[in-house]
Amino acid sequence: MNIGLAVYTFKNNDMTFNIGQMEKALEQARGKVDLLCFGESFLQGFDALSWNTDDDYDIAISQDGDIMRHLCELTIFFKTDLLFGYFEKEDDLLYSSCAVIERGKLIHNYRRISKGWKVISKADEHYREGAETRDFFYRGMTCNIALCGDLWDFPERFKTDGLLLWPIYVNFSLEEWQNYEQEYADQAYLAARRTFMFNSLSDEPLAHGGAFDFNNGRIAEQFPYDKEGLLIASVL
């Protein structure tokens, strides 16, 4: 089974553009991967929220809404499953979440448990963290998901004998990345022997992207910075 780590540019508050980017990547990945993965908050853009609940309810999407249904339909059309980060709304609450769609169905939805996705001084009680971390099965393979700072704040909660999928969004400089790459590999190894970590590109602020296949605490393979495309990794 092949998993594609998609390193693509998002625009904050432009879901039309971002979904177009997902479709572009799905076309590139067609016939090459079973699951295509996008980074943290890719659907709306990491800095899409204003911390005004009235505005942010319009930005977030629900699990059973039209946009999620459209993304489910894309997996059928392209015969490629999807994993992506997004801002989720349920009733009057908002979350930073990650969805897994398999063959047109939402099979897993994870809500970030660490607080680093929000501006705490501005976010009120409607902006919530999830409470649950658990393994799930994707095509018979055991997987778990951690979103960005989750694995730094609570590594023990993501321990798995399966594959750890780690969508992030960080805007380190290239010089900083050189120092941090191995630190991220070491941190991932606290939870799993095999981890796929994938970042997005953005122009404002500047984020350099990149994707990594961590294996037993070492960088087995990585996708170059400042480039759109796919890192394809084989599992099983």
C-alpha atoms as a PDB file:
ATOM      1  CA  MET A   1       0.000   0.000   0.000  1.00  0.00           C
ATOM      2  CA  ASN A   2       1.262   3.477  -0.897  1.00  0.00           C
ATOM      3  CA  ILE A   3       0.585   6.653   1.053  1.00  0.00           C
ATOM      4  CA  GLY A   4       1.172  10.071  -0.473  1.00  0.00           C
ATOM      5  CA  LEU A   5       2.235  13.019   1.666  1.00  0.00           C
ATOM      6  CA  ALA A   6       1.015  16.099  -0.186  1.00  0.00           C
ATOM      7  CA  VAL A   7       3.069  19.271   0.161  1.00  0.00           C
ATOM      8  CA  TYR A   8       0.946  22.006  -1.403  1.00  0.00           C
ATOM      9  CA  THR A   9       0.288  25.708  -0.907  1.00  0.00           C
ATOM     10  CA  PHE A  10      -2.863  26.799   0.900  1.00  0.00           C
ATOM     11  CA  LYS A  11      -4.417  30.249   1.125  1.00  0.00           C
ATOM     12  CA  ASN A  12      -6.034  31.370   4.358  1.00  0.00           C
ATOM     13  CA  ASN A  13      -9.815  31.723   4.101  1.00  0.00           C
ATOM     14  CA  ASP A  14      -9.959  30.482   0.520  1.00  0.00           C
ATOM     15  CA  MET A  15     -11.505  27.028   0.575  1.00  0.00           C
ATOM     16  CA  THR A  16     -12.210  27.156  -3.149  1.00  0.00           C
ATOM     17  CA  PHE A  17      -8.501  27.530  -3.852  1.00  0.00           C
ATOM     18  CA  ASN A  18      -7.510  24.962  -1.245  1.00  0.00           C
ATOM     19  CA  ILE A  19      -9.960  22.344  -2.514  1.00  0.00           C
ATOM     20  CA  GLY A  20      -8.620  23.057  -5.990  1.00  0.00           C
ATOM     21  CA  GLN A  21      -5.164  22.286  -4.660  1.00  0.00           C
ATOM     22  CA  MET A  22      -6.456  19.024  -3.239  1.00  0.00           C
ATOM     23  CA  GLU A  23      -7.956  18.131  -6.612  1.00  0.00           C
ATOM     24  CA  LYS A  24      -4.660  19.011  -8.303  1.00  0.00           C
ATOM     25  CA  ALA A  25      -2.803  16.700  -5.932  1.00  0.00           C
ATOM     26  CA  LEU A  26      -5.403  13.953  -6.358  1.00  0.00           C
ATOM     27  CA  GLU A  27      -4.870  14.105 -10.105  1.00  0.00           C
ATOM     28  CA  GLN A  28      -1.109  13.858  -9.612  1.00  0.00           C
ATOM     29  CA  ALA A  29      -1.548  10.941  -7.204  1.00  0.00           C
ATOM     30  CA  ARG A  30      -4.147   9.056  -9.248  1.00  0.00           C
ATOM     31  CA  GLY A  31      -3.165   5.414  -9.581  1.00  0.00           C
ATOM     32  CA  LYS A  32      -0.031   5.895  -7.478  1.00  0.00           C
ATOM     33  CA  VAL A  33      -1.290   6.026  -3.892  1.00  0.00           C
ATOM     34  CA  ASP A  34      -4.121   4.609  -1.822  1.00  0.00           C
ATOM     35  CA  LEU A  35      -4.258   7.475   0.693  1.00  0.00           C
ATOM     36  CA  LEU A  36      -3.328  11.121   0.078  1.00  0.00           C
ATOM     37  CA  CYS A  37      -2.511  13.207   3.170  1.00  0.00           C
ATOM     38  CA  PHE A  38      -2.628  16.988   3.622  1.00  0.00           C
ATOM     39  CA  GLY A  39      -1.317  19.060   6.520  1.00  0.00           C
ATOM     40  CA  GLU A  40      -2.879  20.641   9.568  1.00  0.00           C
ATOM     41  CA  SER A  41      -5.824  22.986   8.846  1.00  0.00           C
ATOM     42  CA  PHE A  42      -5.158  22.713   5.113  1.00  0.00           C
ATOM     43  CA  LEU A  43      -8.800  23.039   4.102  1.00  0.00           C
ATOM     44  CA  GLN A  44      -9.286  26.571   5.441  1.00  0.00           C
ATOM     45  CA  GLY A  45      -5.657  27.581   6.101  1.00  0.00           C
ATOM     46  CA  PHE A  46      -3.984  27.616   9.510  1.00  0.00           C
ATOM     47  CA  ASP A  47      -4.556  31.351  10.090  1.00  0.00           C
ATOM     48  CA  ALA A  48      -8.130  31.413   8.776  1.00  0.00           C
ATOM     49  CA  LEU A  49      -9.823  32.042  12.119  1.00  0.00           C
ATOM     50  CA  SER A  50     -10.423  35.520  13.567  1.00  0.00           C
ATOM     51  CA  TRP A  51     -11.446  34.341  17.080  1.00  0.00           C
ATOM     52  CA  ASN A  52     -14.830  35.986  16.540  1.00  0.00           C
ATOM     53  CA  THR A  53     -17.258  33.107  16.883  1.00  0.00           C
ATOM     54  CA  ASP A  54     -19.869  34.492  14.482  1.00  0.00           C
ATOM     55  CA  ASP A  55     -17.289  34.752  11.703  1.00  0.00           C
ATOM     56  CA  ASP A  56     -15.531  31.515  12.539  1.00  0.00           C
ATOM     57  CA  TYR A  57     -18.739  29.445  12.492  1.00  0.00           C
ATOM     58  CA  ASP A  58     -18.992  30.408   8.823  1.00  0.00           C
ATOM     59  CA  ILE A  59     -15.399  29.329   8.179  1.00  0.00           C
ATOM     60  CA  ALA A  60     -15.558  25.963   9.953  1.00  0.00           C
ATOM     61  CA  ILE A  61     -17.360  22.985   8.421  1.00  0.00           C
ATOM     62  CA  SER A  62     -19.353  20.127   9.920  1.00  0.00           C
ATOM     63  CA  GLN A  63     -18.807  16.416   9.441  1.00  0.00           C
ATOM     64  CA  ASP A  64     -22.150  16.066   7.673  1.00  0.00           C
ATOM     65  CA  GLY A  65     -22.113  19.281   5.625  1.00  0.00           C
ATOM     66  CA  ASP A  66     -21.942  19.900   1.882  1.00  0.00           C
ATOM     67  CA  ILE A  67     -18.186  20.467   1.768  1.00  0.00           C
ATOM     68  CA  MET A  68     -17.405  17.207   3.540  1.00  0.00           C
ATOM     69  CA  ARG A  69     -19.795  15.413   1.184  1.00  0.00           C
ATOM     70  CA  HIS A  70     -17.983  16.948  -1.787  1.00  0.00           C
ATOM     71  CA  LEU A  71     -14.629  15.767  -0.457  1.00  0.00           C
ATOM     72  CA  CYS A  72     -16.085  12.296   0.027  1.00  0.00           C
ATOM     73  CA  GLU A  73     -17.202  12.346  -3.602  1.00  0.00           C
ATOM     74  CA  LEU A  74     -13.683  13.297  -4.703  1.00  0.00           C
ATOM     75  CA  THR A  75     -12.278  10.107  -3.187  1.00  0.00           C
ATOM     76  CA  ILE A  76     -14.672   8.081  -5.304  1.00  0.00           C
ATOM     77  CA  PHE A  77     -13.980  10.051  -8.484  1.00  0.00           C
ATOM     78  CA  PHE A  78     -10.190   9.848  -8.127  1.00  0.00           C
ATOM     79  CA  LYS A  79     -10.203   6.379  -6.507  1.00  0.00           C
ATOM     80  CA  THR A  80      -7.893   7.804  -3.845  1.00  0.00           C
ATOM     81  CA  ASP A  81      -8.646   8.228  -0.144  1.00  0.00           C
ATOM     82  CA  LEU A  82      -8.018  11.482   1.735  1.00  0.00           C
ATOM     83  CA  LEU A  83      -6.640  12.666   5.064  1.00  0.00           C
ATOM     84  CA  PHE A  84      -6.651  16.402   5.794  1.00  0.00           C
ATOM     85  CA  GLY A  85      -6.664  18.921   8.604  1.00  0.00           C
ATOM     86  CA  TYR A  86      -9.590  21.322   8.935  1.00  0.00           C
ATOM     87  CA  PHE A  87     -11.527  23.549  11.311  1.00  0.00           C
ATOM     88  CA  GLU A  88     -14.617  21.679  12.451  1.00  0.00           C
ATOM     89  CA  LYS A  89     -17.866  22.931  13.945  1.00  0.00           C
ATOM     90  CA  GLU A  90     -20.305  20.853  15.955  1.00  0.00           C
ATOM     91  CA  ASP A  91     -23.291  22.672  17.441  1.00  0.00           C
ATOM     92  CA  ASP A  92     -21.750  25.877  18.845  1.00  0.00           C
ATOM     93  CA  LEU A  93     -18.239  24.460  19.353  1.00  0.00           C
ATOM     94  CA  LEU A  94     -15.134  24.723  17.166  1.00  0.00           C
ATOM     95  CA  TYR A  95     -12.202  22.309  16.874  1.00  0.00           C
ATOM     96  CA  SER A  96      -8.960  21.804  14.988  1.00  0.00           C
ATOM     97  CA  SER A  97      -9.579  18.386  13.470  1.00  0.00           C
ATOM     98  CA  CYS A  98      -8.290  15.825  11.015  1.00  0.00           C
ATOM     99  CA  ALA A  99     -10.549  13.737   8.785  1.00  0.00           C
ATOM    100  CA  VAL A 100      -9.901  10.416   7.070  1.00  0.00           C
ATOM    101  CA  ILE A 101     -12.150   9.567   4.120  1.00  0.00           C
ATOM    102  CA  GLU A 102     -12.045   6.051   2.688  1.00  0.00           C
ATOM    103  CA  ARG A 103     -13.976   5.145  -0.459  1.00  0.00           C
ATOM    104  CA  GLY A 104     -16.428   7.992  -0.030  1.00  0.00           C
ATOM    105  CA  LYS A 105     -17.037   7.620   3.706  1.00  0.00           C
ATOM    106  CA  LEU A 106     -15.679   9.541   6.686  1.00  0.00           C
ATOM    107  CA  ILE A 107     -14.134   6.694   8.694  1.00  0.00           C
ATOM    108  CA  HIS A 108     -12.219   8.642  11.340  1.00  0.00           C
ATOM    109  CA  ASN A 109     -12.287  12.170  12.739  1.00  0.00           C
ATOM    110  CA  TYR A 110      -9.642  13.256  15.222  1.00  0.00           C
ATOM    111  CA  ARG A 111      -9.759  16.490  17.253  1.00  0.00           C
ATOM    112  CA  ARG A 112      -6.498  18.078  18.371  1.00  0.00           C
ATOM    113  CA  ILE A 113      -5.932  17.785  22.141  1.00  0.00           C
ATOM    114  CA  SER A 114      -3.191  20.426  22.540  1.00  0.00           C
ATOM    115  CA  LYS A 115      -3.932  24.149  22.671  1.00  0.00           C
ATOM    116  CA  GLY A 116      -1.321  25.500  20.238  1.00  0.00           C
ATOM    117  CA  TRP A 117      -3.785  25.888  17.368  1.00  0.00           C
ATOM    118  CA  LYS A 118      -5.506  28.885  18.929  1.00  0.00           C
ATOM    119  CA  VAL A 119      -4.705  32.336  20.305  1.00  0.00           C
ATOM    120  CA  ILE A 120      -5.589  31.648  23.916  1.00  0.00           C
ATOM    121  CA  SER A 121      -5.922  35.326  24.839  1.00  0.00           C
ATOM    122  CA  LYS A 122      -8.623  35.761  22.159  1.00  0.00           C
ATOM    123  CA  ALA A 123     -10.347  32.376  21.997  1.00  0.00           C
ATOM    124  CA  ASP A 124     -13.369  31.913  24.248  1.00  0.00           C
ATOM    125  CA  GLU A 125     -14.987  28.739  25.568  1.00  0.00           C
ATOM    126  CA  HIS A 126     -16.387  27.828  22.136  1.00  0.00           C
ATOM    127  CA  TYR A 127     -12.905  26.922  20.868  1.00  0.00           C
ATOM    128  CA  ARG A 128     -12.291  23.448  22.214  1.00  0.00           C
ATOM    129  CA  GLU A 129      -9.770  20.644  22.234  1.00  0.00           C
ATOM    130  CA  GLY A 130     -10.675  17.022  21.787  1.00  0.00           C
ATOM    131  CA  ALA A 131     -10.417  14.464  24.571  1.00  0.00           C
ATOM    132  CA  GLU A 132      -9.785  11.185  22.777  1.00  0.00           C
ATOM    133  CA  THR A 133      -6.735   9.661  21.130  1.00  0.00           C
ATOM    134  CA  ARG A 134      -7.050   6.179  19.708  1.00  0.00           C
ATOM    135  CA  ASP A 135      -5.842   3.840  17.030  1.00  0.00           C
ATOM    136  CA  PHE A 136      -8.057   3.247  14.029  1.00  0.00           C
ATOM    137  CA  PHE A 137      -7.883   0.844  11.124  1.00  0.00           C
ATOM    138  CA  TYR A 138      -7.278   1.972   7.568  1.00  0.00           C
ATOM    139  CA  ARG A 139      -7.558  -0.858   5.044  1.00  0.00           C
ATOM    140  CA  GLY A 140      -6.551  -3.306   7.753  1.00  0.00           C
ATOM    141  CA  MET A 141      -3.565  -1.278   8.964  1.00  0.00           C
ATOM    142  CA  THR A 142      -3.386   0.161  12.490  1.00  0.00           C
ATOM    143  CA  CYS A 143      -2.942   3.953  12.440  1.00  0.00           C
ATOM    144  CA  ASN A 144      -3.039   6.916  14.785  1.00  0.00           C
ATOM    145  CA  ILE A 145      -3.124  10.672  14.192  1.00  0.00           C
ATOM    146  CA  ALA A 146      -1.436  13.500  16.097  1.00  0.00           C
ATOM    147  CA  LEU A 147      -1.863  17.135  15.073  1.00  0.00           C
ATOM    148  CA  CYS A 148       1.277  19.287  15.290  1.00  0.00           C
ATOM    149  CA  GLY A 149       1.892  20.217  18.955  1.00  0.00           C
ATOM    150  CA  ASP A 150       0.021  17.169  20.243  1.00  0.00           C
ATOM    151  CA  LEU A 151       3.133  15.059  19.955  1.00  0.00           C
ATOM    152  CA  TRP A 152       5.222  17.604  21.847  1.00  0.00           C
ATOM    153  CA  ASP A 153       2.745  18.089  24.692  1.00  0.00           C
ATOM    154  CA  PHE A 154       1.396  14.548  25.080  1.00  0.00           C
ATOM    155  CA  PRO A 155       3.662  12.014  23.304  1.00  0.00           C
ATOM    156  CA  GLU A 156       2.606   9.220  25.642  1.00  0.00           C
ATOM    157  CA  ARG A 157      -1.000   9.479  24.435  1.00  0.00           C
ATOM    158  CA  PHE A 158      -0.086   8.606  20.858  1.00  0.00           C
ATOM    159  CA  LYS A 159       1.916   5.450  21.411  1.00  0.00           C
ATOM    160  CA  THR A 160       1.022   2.947  18.745  1.00  0.00           C
ATOM    161  CA  ASP A 161       2.353  -0.263  17.271  1.00  0.00           C
ATOM    162  CA  GLY A 162       1.048   0.945  13.925  1.00  0.00           C
ATOM    163  CA  LEU A 163       1.664   3.929  11.678  1.00  0.00           C
ATOM    164  CA  LEU A 164       1.547   7.440  13.138  1.00  0.00           C
ATOM    165  CA  LEU A 165       0.303  10.166  10.795  1.00  0.00           C
ATOM    166  CA  TRP A 166       1.473  13.623  11.876  1.00  0.00           C
ATOM    167  CA  PRO A 167      -0.012  16.584   9.964  1.00  0.00           C
ATOM    168  CA  ILE A 168       1.664  19.844  11.012  1.00  0.00           C
ATOM    169  CA  TYR A 169       1.835  23.488  10.087  1.00  0.00           C
ATOM    170  CA  VAL A 170       5.001  25.344  11.053  1.00  0.00           C
ATOM    171  CA  ASN A 171       6.747  28.274   9.415  1.00  0.00           C
ATOM    172  CA  PHE A 172      10.354  27.721  10.481  1.00  0.00           C
ATOM    173  CA  SER A 173      13.102  29.316   8.437  1.00  0.00           C
ATOM    174  CA  LEU A 174      15.233  26.961   6.371  1.00  0.00           C
ATOM    175  CA  GLU A 175      18.064  27.458   8.854  1.00  0.00           C
ATOM    176  CA  GLU A 176      15.779  26.517  11.735  1.00  0.00           C
ATOM    177  CA  TRP A 177      14.593  23.433   9.896  1.00  0.00           C
ATOM    178  CA  GLN A 178      18.161  22.151   9.663  1.00  0.00           C
ATOM    179  CA  ASN A 179      18.332  22.205  13.452  1.00  0.00           C
ATOM    180  CA  TYR A 180      14.846  20.814  14.068  1.00  0.00           C
ATOM    181  CA  GLU A 181      14.579  17.922  11.604  1.00  0.00           C
ATOM    182  CA  GLN A 182      16.227  15.353  13.862  1.00  0.00           C
ATOM    183  CA  GLU A 183      14.402  16.698  16.923  1.00  0.00           C
ATOM    184  CA  TYR A 184      11.102  15.963  15.184  1.00  0.00           C
ATOM    185  CA  ALA A 185      12.306  12.474  14.269  1.00  0.00           C
ATOM    186  CA  ASP A 186      13.304  11.855  17.890  1.00  0.00           C
ATOM    187  CA  GLN A 187       9.961  13.124  19.170  1.00  0.00           C
ATOM    188  CA  ALA A 188       8.026  10.919  16.768  1.00  0.00           C
ATOM    189  CA  TYR A 189      10.009   7.893  17.960  1.00  0.00           C
ATOM    190  CA  LEU A 190       8.590   8.385  21.459  1.00  0.00           C
ATOM    191  CA  ALA A 191       5.223   7.305  20.057  1.00  0.00           C
ATOM    192  CA  ALA A 192       5.812   5.104  17.021  1.00  0.00           C
ATOM    193  CA  ARG A 193       8.459   3.258  15.076  1.00  0.00           C
ATOM    194  CA  ARG A 194       7.120   4.637  11.777  1.00  0.00           C
ATOM    195  CA  THR A 195       5.770   8.176  11.418  1.00  0.00           C
ATOM    196  CA  PHE A 196       4.811  10.238   8.382  1.00  0.00           C
ATOM    197  CA  MET A 197       5.041  13.994   9.065  1.00  0.00           C
ATOM    198  CA  PHE A 198       3.835  16.495   6.477  1.00  0.00           C
ATOM    199  CA  ASN A 199       3.731  20.291   6.370  1.00  0.00           C
ATOM    200  CA  SER A 200       2.138  22.779   3.971  1.00  0.00           C
ATOM    201  CA  LEU A 201       3.445  25.689   1.952  1.00  0.00           C
ATOM    202  CA  SER A 202       2.106  29.201   2.479  1.00  0.00           C
ATOM    203  CA  ASP A 203       3.070  32.700   1.357  1.00  0.00           C
ATOM    204  CA  GLU A 204       1.709  34.739   4.286  1.00  0.00           C
ATOM    205  CA  PRO A 205       3.391  33.868   6.548  1.00  0.00           C
ATOM    206  CA  LEU A 206       6.113  32.118   4.596  1.00  0.00           C
ATOM    207  CA  ALA A 207       6.155  28.372   5.255  1.00  0.00           C
ATOM    208  CA  HIS A 208       8.585  26.112   3.415  1.00  0.00           C
ATOM    209  CA  GLY A 209       6.574  22.877   3.478  1.00  0.00           C
ATOM    210  CA  GLY A 210       8.452  19.598   3.552  1.00  0.00           C
ATOM    211  CA  ALA A 211       7.454  16.028   4.388  1.00  0.00           C
ATOM    212  CA  PHE A 212       9.244  13.222   6.205  1.00  0.00           C
ATOM    213  CA  ASP A 213       9.213   9.471   6.611  1.00  0.00           C
ATOM    214  CA  PHE A 214      10.618   8.777  10.081  1.00  0.00           C
ATOM    215  CA  ASN A 215      11.670   5.193  10.767  1.00  0.00           C
ATOM    216  CA  ASN A 216      12.950   4.166  14.211  1.00  0.00           C
ATOM    217  CA  GLY A 217      14.026   7.692  15.047  1.00  0.00           C
ATOM    218  CA  ARG A 218      15.853   8.413  11.827  1.00  0.00           C
ATOM    219  CA  ILE A 219      14.906  10.321   8.698  1.00  0.00           C
ATOM    220  CA  ALA A 220      14.394   7.574   6.141  1.00  0.00           C
ATOM    221  CA  GLU A 221      13.172   9.890   3.390  1.00  0.00           C
ATOM    222  CA  GLN A 222      12.107  13.498   2.991  1.00  0.00           C
ATOM    223  CA  PHE A 223      10.510  15.784   0.430  1.00  0.00           C
ATOM    224  CA  PRO A 224      12.438  18.991  -0.372  1.00  0.00           C
ATOM    225  CA  TYR A 225      11.447  22.380   0.988  1.00  0.00           C
ATOM    226  CA  ASP A 226       9.891  25.118  -1.162  1.00  0.00           C
ATOM    227  CA  LYS A 227       8.442  22.654  -3.653  1.00  0.00           C
ATOM    228  CA  GLU A 228       4.933  21.388  -4.346  1.00  0.00           C
ATOM    229  CA  GLY A 229       4.477  17.697  -4.851  1.00  0.00           C
ATOM    230  CA  LEU A 230       4.181  14.291  -3.213  1.00  0.00           C
ATOM    231  CA  LEU A 231       6.378  12.125  -1.056  1.00  0.00           C
ATOM    232  CA  ILE A 232       5.156   8.588  -1.718  1.00  0.00           C
ATOM    233  CA  ALA A 233       5.939   6.009   0.947  1.00  0.00           C
ATOM    234  CA  SER A 234       5.148   2.296   0.978  1.00  0.00           C
ATOM    235  CA  VAL A 235       3.703   0.470   3.972  1.00  0.00           C
ATOM    236  CA  LEU A 236       2.787  -3.177   4.652  1.00  0.00           C
END
